[in-house]
Structures are given as structure tokens and as C-alpha cells.
Amino acid sequence: MSSHFMKTIIGNEFDKVIKELGVGDIVKEEKKDIGISSKDLLADQKRQAVKEKERKERQARRKKEHEEARQKLRDKVNSVQNVDNKFLV
């Protein structure tokens, strides 16, 4: 976290030096051109939403499979206990 603060401080100092040299306007124009277009941003958000939906579906499927496996084990243990109890009686 401290590295983030140092980068921010150094970046701010660097921007001040550039402004003093008179090149600051060029830097601002370059920053504006580098941005992501709204179409790209929207497409990225849609991709992320689809991935999130798929991830949730996979998790739900795994959870269901795990619960089925647990229930099979419970049934197996209960049937073994019932057999043992029959022999004890």
C-alpha cells in the first residue's frame, strides 16, 4: 500500500514539473485520447455479466452435485447402521 502512495506522490511531482516546463497541455491531450470508448466499456460489462452468470451456474451445479453425493453417503451410512442394529437385536 505504501508503494501506491509513493507512486502517487512521485506522479504528482512529475506532473508539476511537466506543467512548469509548459508541456502540461500536451500530456492532458494524450490522456484524453487513451480512454476506453463507451462501446468497448459496454461490451466489457456485458462480457463480465455473462462470465459472472456462468460462474454462478457452475457453482450451483457443483453445489447440487456435492449435496447429492453427501446424501448418498448419508443413505449408505444409515443403511449400514440399520443392518448392524438388526444383528444386535
C-alpha atoms as a PDB file:
ATOM      1  CA  MET A   1       0.000   0.000   0.000  1.00  0.00           C
ATOM      2  CA  SER A   2       2.866   2.337   0.738  1.00  0.00           C
ATOM      3  CA  SER A   3       4.168   1.764  -2.780  1.00  0.00           C
ATOM      4  CA  HIS A   4       0.863   3.108  -4.121  1.00  0.00           C
ATOM      5  CA  PHE A   5       1.273   6.288  -2.096  1.00  0.00           C
ATOM      6  CA  MET A   6       4.865   6.704  -3.262  1.00  0.00           C
ATOM      7  CA  LYS A   7       3.856   6.262  -6.904  1.00  0.00           C
ATOM      8  CA  THR A   8       1.086   8.809  -6.437  1.00  0.00           C
ATOM      9  CA  ILE A   9       3.403  11.317  -4.799  1.00  0.00           C
ATOM     10  CA  ILE A  10       6.108  10.853  -7.429  1.00  0.00           C
ATOM     11  CA  GLY A  11       3.497  11.036 -10.198  1.00  0.00           C
ATOM     12  CA  ASN A  12       2.105  14.283  -8.808  1.00  0.00           C
ATOM     13  CA  GLU A  13       5.578  15.799  -8.539  1.00  0.00           C
ATOM     14  CA  PHE A  14       6.343  14.727 -12.095  1.00  0.00           C
ATOM     15  CA  ASP A  15       3.108  16.350 -13.340  1.00  0.00           C
ATOM     16  CA  LYS A  16       4.090  19.596 -11.580  1.00  0.00           C
ATOM     17  CA  VAL A  17       7.492  19.607 -13.291  1.00  0.00           C
ATOM     18  CA  ILE A  18       5.905  18.977 -16.690  1.00  0.00           C
ATOM     19  CA  LYS A  19       3.437  21.833 -16.127  1.00  0.00           C
ATOM     20  CA  GLU A  20       6.265  24.202 -15.222  1.00  0.00           C
ATOM     21  CA  LEU A  21       8.066  23.321 -18.435  1.00  0.00           C
ATOM     22  CA  GLY A  22       4.943  24.183 -20.441  1.00  0.00           C
ATOM     23  CA  VAL A  23       4.361  20.708 -21.788  1.00  0.00           C
ATOM     24  CA  GLY A  24       1.420  20.014 -19.473  1.00  0.00           C
ATOM     25  CA  ASP A  25      -1.228  20.689 -22.111  1.00  0.00           C
ATOM     26  CA  ILE A  26       0.187  18.004 -24.374  1.00  0.00           C
ATOM     27  CA  VAL A  27       0.112  15.467 -21.551  1.00  0.00           C
ATOM     28  CA  LYS A  28      -3.567  16.258 -20.836  1.00  0.00           C
ATOM     29  CA  GLU A  29      -4.487  15.778 -24.509  1.00  0.00           C
ATOM     30  CA  GLU A  30      -2.708  12.426 -24.596  1.00  0.00           C
ATOM     31  CA  LYS A  31      -4.586  11.256 -21.504  1.00  0.00           C
ATOM     32  CA  LYS A  32      -7.925  12.088 -23.120  1.00  0.00           C
ATOM     33  CA  ASP A  33      -7.131  10.085 -26.267  1.00  0.00           C
ATOM     34  CA  ILE A  34      -6.064   6.983 -24.348  1.00  0.00           C
ATOM     35  CA  GLY A  35      -9.513   6.423 -22.768  1.00  0.00           C
ATOM     36  CA  ILE A  36     -11.830   3.488 -23.472  1.00  0.00           C
ATOM     37  CA  SER A  37     -14.765   4.094 -25.783  1.00  0.00           C
ATOM     38  CA  SER A  38     -18.277   3.674 -24.432  1.00  0.00           C
ATOM     39  CA  LYS A  39     -18.911   0.772 -26.833  1.00  0.00           C
ATOM     40  CA  ASP A  40     -15.857  -1.073 -25.541  1.00  0.00           C
ATOM     41  CA  LEU A  41     -16.853  -0.370 -21.962  1.00  0.00           C
ATOM     42  CA  LEU A  42     -20.398  -1.619 -22.547  1.00  0.00           C
ATOM     43  CA  ALA A  43     -19.125  -4.734 -24.328  1.00  0.00           C
ATOM     44  CA  ASP A  44     -16.722  -5.416 -21.463  1.00  0.00           C
ATOM     45  CA  GLN A  45     -19.507  -5.040 -18.905  1.00  0.00           C
ATOM     46  CA  LYS A  46     -21.679  -7.474 -20.874  1.00  0.00           C
ATOM     47  CA  ARG A  47     -18.831  -9.996 -21.063  1.00  0.00           C
ATOM     48  CA  GLN A  48     -18.287  -9.707 -17.331  1.00  0.00           C
ATOM     49  CA  ALA A  49     -22.009 -10.166 -16.659  1.00  0.00           C
ATOM     50  CA  VAL A  50     -22.083 -13.293 -18.837  1.00  0.00           C
ATOM     51  CA  LYS A  51     -18.985 -14.692 -17.117  1.00  0.00           C
ATOM     52  CA  GLU A  52     -20.491 -13.991 -13.700  1.00  0.00           C
ATOM     53  CA  LYS A  53     -23.740 -15.719 -14.690  1.00  0.00           C
ATOM     54  CA  GLU A  54     -21.826 -18.758 -15.977  1.00  0.00           C
ATOM     55  CA  ARG A  55     -19.755 -18.854 -12.794  1.00  0.00           C
ATOM     56  CA  LYS A  56     -22.882 -18.801 -10.625  1.00  0.00           C
ATOM     57  CA  GLU A  57     -24.441 -21.575 -12.725  1.00  0.00           C
ATOM     58  CA  ARG A  58     -21.303 -23.715 -12.335  1.00  0.00           C
ATOM     59  CA  GLN A  59     -21.292 -23.122  -8.586  1.00  0.00           C
ATOM     60  CA  ALA A  60     -24.973 -24.044  -8.305  1.00  0.00           C
ATOM     61  CA  ARG A  61     -24.381 -27.213 -10.347  1.00  0.00           C
ATOM     62  CA  ARG A  62     -21.388 -28.190  -8.182  1.00  0.00           C
ATOM     63  CA  LYS A  63     -23.329 -27.478  -5.003  1.00  0.00           C
ATOM     64  CA  LYS A  64     -26.159 -29.710  -6.215  1.00  0.00           C
ATOM     65  CA  GLU A  65     -23.709 -32.492  -7.150  1.00  0.00           C
ATOM     66  CA  HIS A  66     -21.994 -32.247  -3.763  1.00  0.00           C
ATOM     67  CA  GLU A  67     -25.308 -32.361  -1.930  1.00  0.00           C
ATOM     68  CA  GLU A  68     -26.338 -35.448  -3.922  1.00  0.00           C
ATOM     69  CA  ALA A  69     -23.017 -37.126  -3.064  1.00  0.00           C
ATOM     70  CA  ARG A  70     -23.461 -36.240   0.622  1.00  0.00           C
ATOM     71  CA  GLN A  71     -26.989 -37.641   0.597  1.00  0.00           C
ATOM     72  CA  LYS A  72     -25.746 -40.896  -0.963  1.00  0.00           C
ATOM     73  CA  LEU A  73     -23.167 -41.171   1.812  1.00  0.00           C
ATOM     74  CA  ARG A  74     -25.812 -40.476   4.458  1.00  0.00           C
ATOM     75  CA  ASP A  75     -28.079 -43.123   2.962  1.00  0.00           C
ATOM     76  CA  LYS A  76     -25.215 -45.604   2.834  1.00  0.00           C
ATOM     77  CA  VAL A  77     -24.226 -44.928   6.454  1.00  0.00           C
ATOM     78  CA  ASN A  78     -27.841 -45.169   7.601  1.00  0.00           C
ATOM     79  CA  SER A  79     -28.352 -48.477   5.768  1.00  0.00           C
ATOM     80  CA  VAL A  80     -25.177 -49.906   7.333  1.00  0.00           C
ATOM     81  CA  GLN A  81     -26.327 -48.748  10.770  1.00  0.00           C
ATOM     82  CA  ASN A  82     -29.738 -50.326  10.193  1.00  0.00           C
ATOM     83  CA  VAL A  83     -28.117 -53.632   9.218  1.00  0.00           C
ATOM     84  CA  ASP A  84     -25.902 -53.519  12.325  1.00  0.00           C
ATOM     85  CA  ASN A  85     -28.905 -52.774  14.529  1.00  0.00           C
ATOM     86  CA  LYS A  86     -30.814 -55.764  13.100  1.00  0.00           C
ATOM     87  CA  PHE A  87     -27.991 -58.097  14.049  1.00  0.00           C
ATOM     88  CA  LEU A  88     -27.754 -56.625  17.538  1.00  0.00           C
ATOM     89  CA  VAL A  89     -31.425 -57.156  18.296  1.00  0.00           C
END
